[in-house]
Amino acid sequence: PVDSWGFVLLLPLVTLSNVVPVTVGGLGIREGLAALLLPAAGISAEVAATAFFTTFLLSIVLPGVVGLCWNTALLYTKRPTNNANTNAGPVLTEKDKQAN
């Protein structure tokens, strides 16, 4: 059985391991600490490490890959151009017009 209070008390410690700037995104540190500490709450080391690694994949890697694909697609899509305003110069405000 899983000790709920033990899990609630240990989860912030594992999560705070992300602030240790040893690896990229705390990868490996967080999973190792989860595998070390969470068996005390009744969660096996394998399940703890896998759960935290899966959380890393879903919250960091997947959005990064989606964002990269999105930005790459935007970069290579054709955008309509307005040739009349290509050399229009800077936009002047009313204050700029009065100064001239």
C-alpha atoms as a PDB file:
ATOM      1  CA  PRO A   1       0.000   0.000   0.000  1.00  0.00           C
ATOM      2  CA  VAL A   2       1.073   3.544  -0.762  1.00  0.00           C
ATOM      3  CA  ASP A   3       1.549   5.853   2.216  1.00  0.00           C
ATOM      4  CA  SER A   4      -0.277   8.987   1.028  1.00  0.00           C
ATOM      5  CA  TRP A   5       1.264  11.336   3.591  1.00  0.00           C
ATOM      6  CA  GLY A   6       4.722   9.973   2.904  1.00  0.00           C
ATOM      7  CA  PHE A   7       4.227  10.618  -0.793  1.00  0.00           C
ATOM      8  CA  VAL A   8       2.889  14.132  -0.127  1.00  0.00           C
ATOM      9  CA  LEU A   9       5.918  14.927   2.036  1.00  0.00           C
ATOM     10  CA  LEU A  10       8.498  13.437  -0.359  1.00  0.00           C
ATOM     11  CA  LEU A  11       7.105  14.810  -3.617  1.00  0.00           C
ATOM     12  CA  PRO A  12       8.260  18.432  -2.978  1.00  0.00           C
ATOM     13  CA  LEU A  13      11.775  17.194  -2.186  1.00  0.00           C
ATOM     14  CA  VAL A  14      11.957  15.332  -5.475  1.00  0.00           C
ATOM     15  CA  THR A  15      10.480  18.298  -7.354  1.00  0.00           C
ATOM     16  CA  LEU A  16      12.963  20.722  -5.788  1.00  0.00           C
ATOM     17  CA  SER A  17      15.794  18.645  -7.199  1.00  0.00           C
ATOM     18  CA  ASN A  18      15.077  20.433 -10.510  1.00  0.00           C
ATOM     19  CA  VAL A  19      16.818  23.548  -9.207  1.00  0.00           C
ATOM     20  CA  VAL A  20      20.178  21.752  -8.978  1.00  0.00           C
ATOM     21  CA  PRO A  21      21.967  22.960 -12.147  1.00  0.00           C
ATOM     22  CA  VAL A  22      23.909  19.773 -12.827  1.00  0.00           C
ATOM     23  CA  THR A  23      22.081  18.348 -15.824  1.00  0.00           C
ATOM     24  CA  VAL A  24      19.788  19.694 -18.531  1.00  0.00           C
ATOM     25  CA  GLY A  25      16.350  20.143 -16.989  1.00  0.00           C
ATOM     26  CA  GLY A  26      17.375  18.157 -13.928  1.00  0.00           C
ATOM     27  CA  LEU A  27      17.143  14.996 -16.017  1.00  0.00           C
ATOM     28  CA  GLY A  28      18.515  12.033 -14.096  1.00  0.00           C
ATOM     29  CA  ILE A  29      18.785  13.871 -10.785  1.00  0.00           C
ATOM     30  CA  ARG A  30      15.004  14.017 -10.331  1.00  0.00           C
ATOM     31  CA  GLU A  31      14.492  10.404 -11.408  1.00  0.00           C
ATOM     32  CA  GLY A  32      17.326   9.122  -9.229  1.00  0.00           C
ATOM     33  CA  LEU A  33      16.057  10.984  -6.188  1.00  0.00           C
ATOM     34  CA  ALA A  34      12.542   9.672  -6.829  1.00  0.00           C
ATOM     35  CA  ALA A  35      13.902   6.124  -7.049  1.00  0.00           C
ATOM     36  CA  LEU A  36      15.809   6.684  -3.818  1.00  0.00           C
ATOM     37  CA  LEU A  37      13.131   8.383  -1.701  1.00  0.00           C
ATOM     38  CA  LEU A  38       9.734   7.170  -2.886  1.00  0.00           C
ATOM     39  CA  PRO A  39      10.147   3.506  -1.858  1.00  0.00           C
ATOM     40  CA  ALA A  40       9.758   4.851   1.696  1.00  0.00           C
ATOM     41  CA  ALA A  41       6.201   5.836   0.685  1.00  0.00           C
ATOM     42  CA  GLY A  42       5.453   2.394  -0.753  1.00  0.00           C
ATOM     43  CA  ILE A  43       6.185   3.175  -4.411  1.00  0.00           C
ATOM     44  CA  SER A  44       8.751   0.960  -6.102  1.00  0.00           C
ATOM     45  CA  ALA A  45      11.920   2.590  -7.400  1.00  0.00           C
ATOM     46  CA  GLU A  46      11.160   1.537 -10.981  1.00  0.00           C
ATOM     47  CA  VAL A  47       7.673   3.026 -10.937  1.00  0.00           C
ATOM     48  CA  ALA A  48       8.903   6.258  -9.322  1.00  0.00           C
ATOM     49  CA  ALA A  49      11.720   6.801 -11.817  1.00  0.00           C
ATOM     50  CA  THR A  50       9.495   5.920 -14.772  1.00  0.00           C
ATOM     51  CA  ALA A  51       6.726   8.231 -13.584  1.00  0.00           C
ATOM     52  CA  PHE A  52       9.051  11.198 -13.196  1.00  0.00           C
ATOM     53  CA  PHE A  53      10.746  10.523 -16.533  1.00  0.00           C
ATOM     54  CA  THR A  54       7.364  10.301 -18.263  1.00  0.00           C
ATOM     55  CA  THR A  55       6.362  13.586 -16.623  1.00  0.00           C
ATOM     56  CA  PHE A  56       9.551  15.156 -17.987  1.00  0.00           C
ATOM     57  CA  LEU A  57       8.791  13.874 -21.486  1.00  0.00           C
ATOM     58  CA  LEU A  58       5.202  15.112 -21.446  1.00  0.00           C
ATOM     59  CA  SER A  59       5.839  18.501 -19.849  1.00  0.00           C
ATOM     60  CA  ILE A  60       9.183  19.523 -21.382  1.00  0.00           C
ATOM     61  CA  VAL A  61      10.141  17.459 -24.429  1.00  0.00           C
ATOM     62  CA  LEU A  62       6.755  17.091 -26.132  1.00  0.00           C
ATOM     63  CA  PRO A  63       5.860  20.828 -25.992  1.00  0.00           C
ATOM     64  CA  GLY A  64       9.361  21.656 -27.198  1.00  0.00           C
ATOM     65  CA  VAL A  65       9.066  19.366 -30.208  1.00  0.00           C
ATOM     66  CA  VAL A  66       5.577  20.681 -31.022  1.00  0.00           C
ATOM     67  CA  GLY A  67       6.832  24.274 -30.757  1.00  0.00           C
ATOM     68  CA  LEU A  68       9.815  23.520 -32.972  1.00  0.00           C
ATOM     69  CA  CYS A  69       7.571  21.955 -35.616  1.00  0.00           C
ATOM     70  CA  TRP A  70       5.099  24.833 -35.377  1.00  0.00           C
ATOM     71  CA  ASN A  71       7.780  27.500 -35.763  1.00  0.00           C
ATOM     72  CA  THR A  72       9.440  25.612 -38.608  1.00  0.00           C
ATOM     73  CA  ALA A  73       6.101  25.331 -40.396  1.00  0.00           C
ATOM     74  CA  LEU A  74       5.482  29.060 -39.911  1.00  0.00           C
ATOM     75  CA  LEU A  75       8.938  29.860 -41.239  1.00  0.00           C
ATOM     76  CA  TYR A  76       8.366  28.003 -44.490  1.00  0.00           C
ATOM     77  CA  THR A  77       4.759  28.973 -45.190  1.00  0.00           C
ATOM     78  CA  LYS A  78       4.061  31.614 -47.797  1.00  0.00           C
ATOM     79  CA  ARG A  79       2.867  34.870 -46.369  1.00  0.00           C
ATOM     80  CA  PRO A  80       1.007  37.405 -48.479  1.00  0.00           C
ATOM     81  CA  THR A  81       3.102  40.492 -49.058  1.00  0.00           C
ATOM     82  CA  ASN A  82       1.835  43.969 -49.625  1.00  0.00           C
ATOM     83  CA  ASN A  83       4.228  45.350 -52.235  1.00  0.00           C
ATOM     84  CA  ALA A  84       2.776  48.855 -51.927  1.00  0.00           C
ATOM     85  CA  ASN A  85       4.114  49.220 -48.363  1.00  0.00           C
ATOM     86  CA  THR A  86       7.460  47.516 -48.875  1.00  0.00           C
ATOM     87  CA  ASN A  87       9.456  50.768 -48.897  1.00  0.00           C
ATOM     88  CA  ALA A  88       7.027  52.882 -46.919  1.00  0.00           C
ATOM     89  CA  GLY A  89       9.558  53.873 -44.235  1.00  0.00           C
ATOM     90  CA  PRO A  90       8.873  54.397 -40.552  1.00  0.00           C
ATOM     91  CA  VAL A  91       5.407  55.107 -39.254  1.00  0.00           C
ATOM     92  CA  LEU A  92       5.128  58.648 -37.904  1.00  0.00           C
ATOM     93  CA  THR A  93       2.873  59.597 -35.030  1.00  0.00           C
ATOM     94  CA  GLU A  94       1.026  62.923 -34.828  1.00  0.00           C
ATOM     95  CA  LYS A  95       3.728  64.227 -32.476  1.00  0.00           C
ATOM     96  CA  ASP A  96       6.442  63.341 -35.015  1.00  0.00           C
ATOM     97  CA  LYS A  97       4.499  65.038 -37.814  1.00  0.00           C
ATOM     98  CA  GLN A  98       4.130  68.262 -35.798  1.00  0.00           C
ATOM     99  CA  ALA A  99       7.853  68.282 -34.992  1.00  0.00           C
ATOM    100  CA  ASN A 100       8.674  68.264 -38.727  1.00  0.00           C
END
